Protein backbone atom coordinates (compact mmCIF):
# COMPACT_ATOMS: atom_id res chain seq x y z
CA UNK A 1 -18.42 -13.53 15.33
CA UNK A 2 -19.01 -11.74 18.59
CA UNK A 3 -16.43 -9.10 19.45
CA UNK A 4 -16.86 -5.80 21.27
CA UNK A 5 -13.54 -4.52 19.87
CA UNK A 6 -14.18 -3.04 16.47
CA UNK A 7 -14.14 -0.03 14.22
CA UNK A 8 -17.30 1.33 12.63
CA UNK A 9 -17.24 3.10 9.28
CA UNK A 10 -19.01 6.43 9.82
CA UNK A 11 -18.14 7.71 6.36
CA UNK A 12 -16.57 5.67 3.58
CA UNK A 13 -13.44 6.83 1.82
CA UNK A 14 -12.36 6.69 -1.80
CA UNK A 15 -11.30 3.02 -1.71
CA UNK A 16 -10.62 1.32 1.63
CA UNK A 17 -9.72 -2.37 1.71
CA UNK A 18 -8.11 -4.92 4.02
CA UNK A 19 -4.70 -5.90 2.60
CA UNK A 20 -1.64 -7.89 3.57
CA UNK A 21 1.41 -9.29 1.76
CA UNK A 22 -0.71 -10.92 -0.93
CA UNK A 23 -2.09 -14.28 -1.98
CA UNK A 24 0.66 -16.15 -3.77
CA UNK A 25 0.56 -19.51 -5.51
CA UNK A 26 -2.86 -19.24 -7.14
CA UNK A 27 -2.23 -17.25 -10.32
CA UNK A 28 -2.51 -20.39 -12.45
CA UNK A 29 -6.20 -20.40 -11.44
CA UNK A 30 -6.65 -16.73 -12.36
CA UNK A 31 -6.51 -15.49 -8.75
CA UNK A 32 -4.38 -12.34 -8.47
CA UNK A 33 -1.68 -11.87 -5.83
CA UNK A 34 -3.07 -8.51 -4.65
CA UNK A 35 -1.62 -7.19 -1.40
CA UNK A 36 -0.67 -3.74 -0.14
CA UNK A 37 0.25 -1.17 -2.77
CA UNK A 38 3.00 0.39 -0.64
CA UNK A 39 4.49 -2.63 1.07
CA UNK A 40 7.09 -0.59 2.96
CA UNK A 41 4.54 1.73 4.59
CA UNK A 42 2.21 -1.20 5.34
CA UNK A 43 4.93 -3.23 7.02
CA UNK A 44 6.17 -0.25 9.01
CA UNK A 45 2.66 0.32 10.37
CA UNK A 46 2.65 -3.26 11.63
CA UNK A 47 6.14 -3.01 13.11
CA UNK A 48 5.22 0.15 15.04
CA UNK A 49 2.49 -1.72 16.95
CA UNK A 50 4.45 -4.95 17.41
CA UNK A 51 2.71 -6.99 14.71
CA UNK A 52 4.24 -9.42 12.25
CA UNK A 53 4.87 -8.11 8.73
CA UNK A 54 2.27 -10.63 7.56
CA UNK A 55 -0.56 -9.04 9.58
CA UNK A 56 -3.32 -7.34 7.60
CA UNK A 57 -3.71 -3.57 7.53
CA UNK A 58 -6.40 -1.19 6.33
CA UNK A 59 -5.29 0.45 3.08
CA UNK A 60 -7.00 3.77 2.31
CA UNK A 61 -6.83 5.74 -0.93
CA UNK A 62 -7.20 9.41 -0.05
CA UNK A 63 -9.45 11.13 0.82
CA UNK A 64 -10.03 8.39 3.33
CA UNK A 65 -12.83 7.27 5.64
CA UNK A 66 -14.10 8.35 9.03
CA UNK A 67 -13.80 5.52 11.55
CA UNK A 68 -15.00 5.16 15.15
CA UNK A 69 -13.32 2.84 17.68
CA UNK A 70 -15.64 0.87 19.97
CA UNK A 71 -12.75 -0.02 22.28
CA UNK A 72 -9.29 1.26 23.17
CA UNK A 73 -6.52 0.26 20.78
CA UNK A 74 -2.88 0.75 19.98
CA UNK A 75 -2.61 1.86 16.35
CA UNK A 76 -0.10 3.19 13.85
CA UNK A 77 -0.77 5.22 10.71
CA UNK A 78 1.72 5.40 7.86
CA UNK A 79 1.82 6.44 4.22
CA UNK A 80 0.36 9.68 2.91
CA UNK A 81 -2.26 12.19 4.06
CA UNK A 82 -3.21 13.65 7.41
CA UNK A 83 -5.58 12.36 10.06
CA UNK A 84 -7.52 14.06 12.81
CA UNK A 85 -9.20 12.56 15.85
CA UNK A 86 -12.32 13.62 17.73
CA UNK A 87 -12.40 17.35 18.52
CA UNK A 88 -10.07 18.03 15.56
CA UNK A 89 -6.95 16.70 17.29
CA UNK A 90 -4.10 16.01 14.86
CA UNK A 91 -2.80 12.44 15.01
CA UNK A 92 0.86 11.73 14.30
CA UNK A 93 1.88 9.46 11.47
CA UNK A 94 4.73 6.96 11.78
CA UNK A 95 4.48 6.36 15.53
CA UNK A 96 2.44 4.14 17.89
CA UNK A 97 -0.66 5.89 19.20
CA UNK A 98 -3.12 4.85 21.92
CA UNK A 99 -6.72 5.72 21.05
CA UNK A 100 -9.56 5.69 23.57
CA UNK A 101 -12.95 4.05 23.24
CA UNK A 102 -15.24 6.24 21.13
CA UNK A 103 -12.38 7.96 19.28
CA UNK A 104 -13.21 9.00 15.72
CA UNK A 105 -10.48 9.29 13.07
CA UNK A 106 -10.82 11.02 9.69
CA UNK A 107 -8.31 10.98 6.80
CA UNK A 108 -7.67 13.78 4.32
CA UNK A 109 -5.22 13.99 1.40
CA UNK A 110 -2.01 15.98 1.20
CA UNK A 111 0.41 16.57 -1.65
CA UNK A 112 2.85 13.90 -0.48
CA UNK A 113 1.19 10.72 -1.74
CA UNK A 114 -1.99 8.78 -2.42
CA UNK A 115 -2.39 6.01 0.16
CA UNK A 116 -2.53 5.69 3.98
CA UNK A 117 -2.29 2.58 6.15
CA UNK A 118 -3.81 1.75 9.53
CA UNK A 119 -2.42 -1.09 11.65
CA UNK A 120 -3.97 -2.18 14.95
CA UNK A 121 -2.00 -4.06 17.59
CA UNK A 122 -3.17 -7.68 17.41
CA UNK A 123 -4.57 -7.29 13.90
CA UNK A 124 -8.06 -7.68 12.48
CA UNK A 125 -10.30 -10.54 13.56
CA UNK A 126 -10.94 -11.99 10.12
CA UNK A 127 -10.61 -15.40 8.50
CA UNK A 128 -7.96 -15.94 5.80
CA UNK A 129 -8.89 -17.11 2.33
CA UNK A 130 -6.23 -19.16 0.50
CA UNK A 131 -3.65 -18.10 3.04
CA UNK A 132 -4.28 -14.35 2.92
CA UNK A 133 -6.49 -11.76 4.61
CA UNK A 134 -6.27 -9.46 1.58
CA UNK A 135 -9.33 -8.35 -0.35
CA UNK A 136 -9.89 -10.07 -3.69
CA UNK A 137 -12.75 -8.13 -5.25
CA UNK A 138 -15.90 -10.19 -5.68
CA UNK A 139 -14.77 -13.04 -3.40
CA UNK A 140 -16.84 -12.64 -0.25
CA UNK A 141 -14.53 -14.90 1.79
CA UNK A 142 -11.61 -12.50 1.29
CA UNK A 143 -10.79 -9.32 3.21
CA UNK A 144 -13.96 -7.70 4.44
CA UNK A 145 -16.75 -9.36 2.40
CA UNK A 146 -14.62 -9.12 -0.73
CA UNK A 147 -15.19 -5.41 -1.22
CA UNK A 148 -14.14 -1.91 -0.11
CA UNK A 149 -15.52 -0.72 3.22
CA UNK A 150 -18.92 0.96 3.18
CA UNK A 151 -20.72 3.23 5.61
CA UNK A 152 -22.07 1.21 8.53
CA UNK A 153 -19.54 -1.63 8.31
CA UNK A 154 -18.25 -2.87 11.68
CA UNK A 155 -14.82 -4.52 11.46
CA UNK A 156 -13.68 -6.49 14.55
CA UNK A 157 -10.08 -6.38 15.69
CA UNK A 158 -7.94 -8.32 18.16
CA UNK A 159 -5.78 -6.84 20.90
CA UNK A 160 -3.56 -8.24 23.66
CA UNK A 161 -2.88 -5.05 25.64
CA UNK A 162 -5.00 -2.70 27.72
CA UNK A 163 -4.21 0.84 26.52
CA UNK A 164 -7.12 2.36 28.45
CA UNK A 165 -4.96 2.50 31.59
CA UNK A 166 -2.44 4.72 29.84
CA UNK A 167 -4.96 7.15 28.31
CA UNK A 168 -6.46 8.56 31.47
CA UNK A 169 -8.77 11.34 30.21
CA UNK A 170 -7.18 11.95 26.80
CA UNK A 171 -8.62 10.83 23.45
CA UNK A 172 -5.24 9.88 22.02
CA UNK A 173 -1.70 9.50 23.31
CA UNK A 174 1.31 9.30 20.99
CA UNK A 175 4.20 7.18 22.20
CA UNK A 176 7.54 9.02 22.41
CA UNK A 177 9.23 7.76 19.24
CA UNK A 178 8.59 7.68 15.52
CA UNK A 179 10.19 6.59 12.28
CA UNK A 180 9.54 8.60 9.15
CA UNK A 181 9.63 7.33 5.58
CA UNK A 182 9.77 9.92 2.80
CA UNK A 183 8.89 9.58 -0.87
CA UNK A 184 11.89 10.31 -3.04
CA UNK A 185 10.39 12.32 -5.89
CA UNK A 186 13.78 13.43 -7.22
CA UNK A 187 14.92 9.97 -8.38
CA UNK A 188 13.54 8.25 -11.47
CA UNK A 189 11.55 5.04 -11.24
CA UNK A 190 13.94 2.29 -12.27
CA UNK A 191 13.20 -0.20 -15.03
CA UNK A 192 14.41 -3.50 -16.44
CA UNK A 193 13.85 -4.30 -20.14
CA UNK A 194 11.01 -6.73 -20.77
CA UNK A 195 10.25 -9.20 -23.55
CA UNK A 196 8.80 -6.80 -26.14
CA UNK A 197 10.96 -3.69 -25.83
CA UNK A 198 12.36 -4.37 -29.30
CA UNK A 199 8.93 -3.61 -30.83
CA UNK A 200 9.38 0.09 -30.09
CA UNK A 201 11.22 2.20 -32.66
CA UNK A 202 14.46 3.87 -31.61
CA UNK A 203 12.82 7.29 -31.12
CA UNK A 204 10.20 5.84 -28.74
CA UNK A 205 12.83 3.91 -26.78
CA UNK A 206 14.54 7.24 -26.21
CA UNK A 207 11.27 8.95 -25.26
CA UNK A 208 10.60 6.35 -22.60
CA UNK A 209 13.68 7.48 -20.71
CA UNK A 210 14.02 11.14 -21.73
CA UNK A 211 10.36 12.22 -21.43
CA UNK A 212 8.37 12.85 -18.27
CA UNK A 213 5.03 11.22 -17.57
CA UNK A 214 2.32 11.69 -14.96
CA UNK A 215 -0.17 9.33 -13.37
CA UNK A 216 -3.76 9.66 -14.59
CA UNK A 217 -6.30 10.58 -11.91
CA UNK A 218 -8.39 7.48 -12.67
CA UNK A 219 -5.54 5.10 -11.91
CA UNK A 220 -6.33 2.43 -9.33
CA UNK A 221 -5.12 -0.75 -7.65
CA UNK A 222 -5.24 -2.63 -10.97
CA UNK A 223 -3.11 -0.27 -13.05
CA UNK A 224 -1.62 3.20 -13.22
CA UNK A 225 -2.24 4.86 -16.57
CA UNK A 226 0.56 7.16 -17.67
CA UNK A 227 -0.08 10.52 -19.30
CA UNK A 228 2.70 11.69 -21.62
CA UNK A 229 4.46 10.78 -24.86
CA UNK A 230 2.72 8.40 -27.25
CA UNK A 231 5.15 5.68 -28.30
CA UNK A 232 5.30 4.08 -31.73
CA UNK A 233 6.85 1.03 -33.32
CA UNK A 234 5.99 -2.34 -34.80
CA UNK A 235 2.54 -3.66 -33.96
CA UNK A 236 1.77 -7.35 -34.11
CA UNK A 237 -0.89 -9.73 -32.87
CA UNK A 238 0.11 -11.31 -29.60
CA UNK A 239 -0.98 -14.26 -27.49
CA UNK A 240 -1.86 -13.38 -23.90
CA UNK A 241 0.94 -14.21 -21.50
CA UNK A 242 1.67 -13.93 -17.80
CA UNK A 243 2.07 -10.45 -16.33
CA UNK A 244 3.19 -9.27 -12.92
CA UNK A 245 3.02 -6.20 -10.77
CA UNK A 246 5.19 -3.51 -12.34
CA UNK A 247 4.75 -4.73 -15.93
CA UNK A 248 4.81 -1.70 -18.24
CA UNK A 249 2.50 -2.33 -21.19
CA UNK A 250 2.40 -0.50 -24.52
CA UNK A 251 -1.27 0.05 -25.40
CA UNK A 252 -2.83 0.18 -28.90
CA UNK A 253 -3.24 3.98 -28.73
CA UNK A 254 0.49 4.41 -28.08
CA UNK A 255 0.01 5.10 -24.38
CA UNK A 256 1.40 3.20 -21.43
CA UNK A 257 0.12 1.70 -18.22
CA UNK A 258 1.76 -0.11 -15.35
CA UNK A 259 0.09 -3.07 -13.68
CA UNK A 260 -0.26 -2.65 -9.92
CA UNK A 261 -1.30 -4.91 -7.03
CA UNK A 262 -4.68 -6.10 -8.40
CA UNK A 263 -3.42 -6.80 -11.93
CA UNK A 264 -4.89 -9.71 -13.92
CA UNK A 265 -2.81 -12.85 -14.24
CA UNK A 266 -2.37 -12.51 -18.02
CA UNK A 267 -2.30 -9.70 -20.56
CA UNK A 268 -2.25 -9.42 -24.35
CA UNK A 269 -0.39 -6.14 -24.95
CA UNK A 270 3.39 -5.82 -25.39
CA UNK A 271 5.40 -5.74 -22.16
CA UNK A 272 8.21 -3.32 -22.84
CA UNK A 273 9.65 -2.88 -19.34
CA UNK A 274 9.37 -3.95 -15.73
CA UNK A 275 9.47 -1.62 -12.71
CA UNK A 276 11.99 -3.06 -10.26
CA UNK A 277 10.50 -4.54 -7.09
CA UNK A 278 12.30 -2.05 -4.82
CA UNK A 279 10.50 0.88 -6.50
CA UNK A 280 6.93 -0.47 -6.54
CA UNK A 281 5.91 1.10 -3.24
CA UNK A 282 7.44 4.45 -4.23
CA UNK A 283 5.51 4.36 -7.51
CA UNK A 284 2.26 3.48 -5.68
CA UNK A 285 2.53 6.67 -3.59
CA UNK A 286 3.60 8.95 -6.45
CA UNK A 287 1.55 12.19 -6.33
CA UNK A 288 -0.65 12.81 -9.36
CA UNK A 289 0.79 16.28 -9.98
CA UNK A 290 4.45 15.21 -9.92
CA UNK A 291 6.28 14.21 -13.13
CA UNK A 292 7.56 10.64 -13.33
CA UNK A 293 10.86 9.86 -15.04
CA UNK A 294 12.28 6.43 -15.81
CA UNK A 295 15.79 5.04 -16.04
CA UNK A 296 17.26 1.66 -16.90
CA UNK A 297 19.18 -0.43 -14.38
CA UNK A 298 20.80 -3.83 -14.67
CA UNK A 299 19.37 -6.97 -13.14
CA UNK A 300 22.28 -7.05 -10.71
CA UNK A 301 21.50 -3.50 -9.57
CA UNK A 302 17.81 -4.37 -9.14
CA UNK A 303 18.66 -7.40 -7.02
CA UNK A 304 21.06 -5.42 -4.86
CA UNK A 305 18.48 -2.68 -4.25
CA UNK A 306 15.88 -5.26 -3.23
CA UNK A 307 18.30 -6.99 -0.84
CA UNK A 308 19.11 -3.62 0.74
CA UNK A 309 15.39 -2.96 1.18
CA UNK A 310 14.83 -6.34 2.84
CA UNK A 311 17.77 -5.75 5.19
CA UNK A 312 16.40 -2.31 6.09
CA UNK A 313 12.96 -3.77 6.90
CA UNK A 314 14.46 -6.54 9.02
CA UNK A 315 16.44 -4.02 11.06
CA UNK A 316 13.42 -1.74 11.33
CA UNK A 317 11.23 -4.58 12.61
CA UNK A 318 13.69 -5.55 15.32
CA UNK A 319 14.25 -1.95 16.42
CA UNK A 320 10.58 -1.00 16.62
CA UNK A 321 9.49 -4.24 18.29
CA UNK A 322 12.16 -3.87 20.98
CA UNK A 323 11.26 -0.21 21.57
CA UNK A 324 7.57 -1.04 22.02
CA UNK A 325 8.24 -4.04 24.27
CA UNK A 326 10.47 -1.90 26.47
CA UNK A 327 7.79 0.80 26.77
CA UNK A 328 4.97 -1.63 27.56
CA UNK A 329 6.98 -3.33 30.30
CA UNK A 330 7.74 0.02 31.92
CA UNK A 331 11.39 0.36 30.91
CA UNK A 332 10.87 3.66 29.12
């Protein structure tokens, strides 16, 4: 596929993959949904550059990669971390930014979260697999060759604007508006009871809510292992059953883990709780050194919170798209 608009990976990051909203409808064949870990930050990156919420983004666990642009582009960076351009110029998060041809961007971690997102106006020039651009590890037709980015990779992108005219002699130019999302570390992660909660003894049920946990450093896109209280109760042999993102499993050693975006389609350990959908992105970004607390909510509360989140994203999309369209047509 010939394309002179691309990014080149100068240095690979911890785990950098192409992601979108996920690949739904194929779990019965053992194909995971996948998708962006922090769906709010990923969608906001797309909205800032005028893309659809379904467009793919580059998801980067921090520390992230060093990337070089072969052509001018309009980008947005969201999520956690900090990024610098050529000549050590700081690049703003949460706003549209023009970058010039030859610009190099490098991502470093901060204490505010784990994952950064890069959206490019027009999106990536890739072919979908089963209706999604997201990376499914080991499937070469998905994402970028079915794997995380490596040094030397050249990823083509599409664009329908000509930002070079607006850059003049600068490496980057931030557009004059931004929208900031913050991680609420003061509120507990909210849970719904799942099928096997009754297997825990009363003391462990109390510990789940009263104790603090932390996220193990080796946690990844498949699951977040929790460090903290060991829970006890009634053990029994179980048949593997369907699991979903946010399923909180009680492991044989008494520990807990939470399935994340790349979870398998089935699991054989007790499912004691389910993280509500509205809190999955917040959990994905949770800093490793911050304690995690849980609290129960009702199904009605969980549904209301998710509806509020969807309404917020719809309003955000309309606002940011209109602001960008106005700027690009000269009505600043």
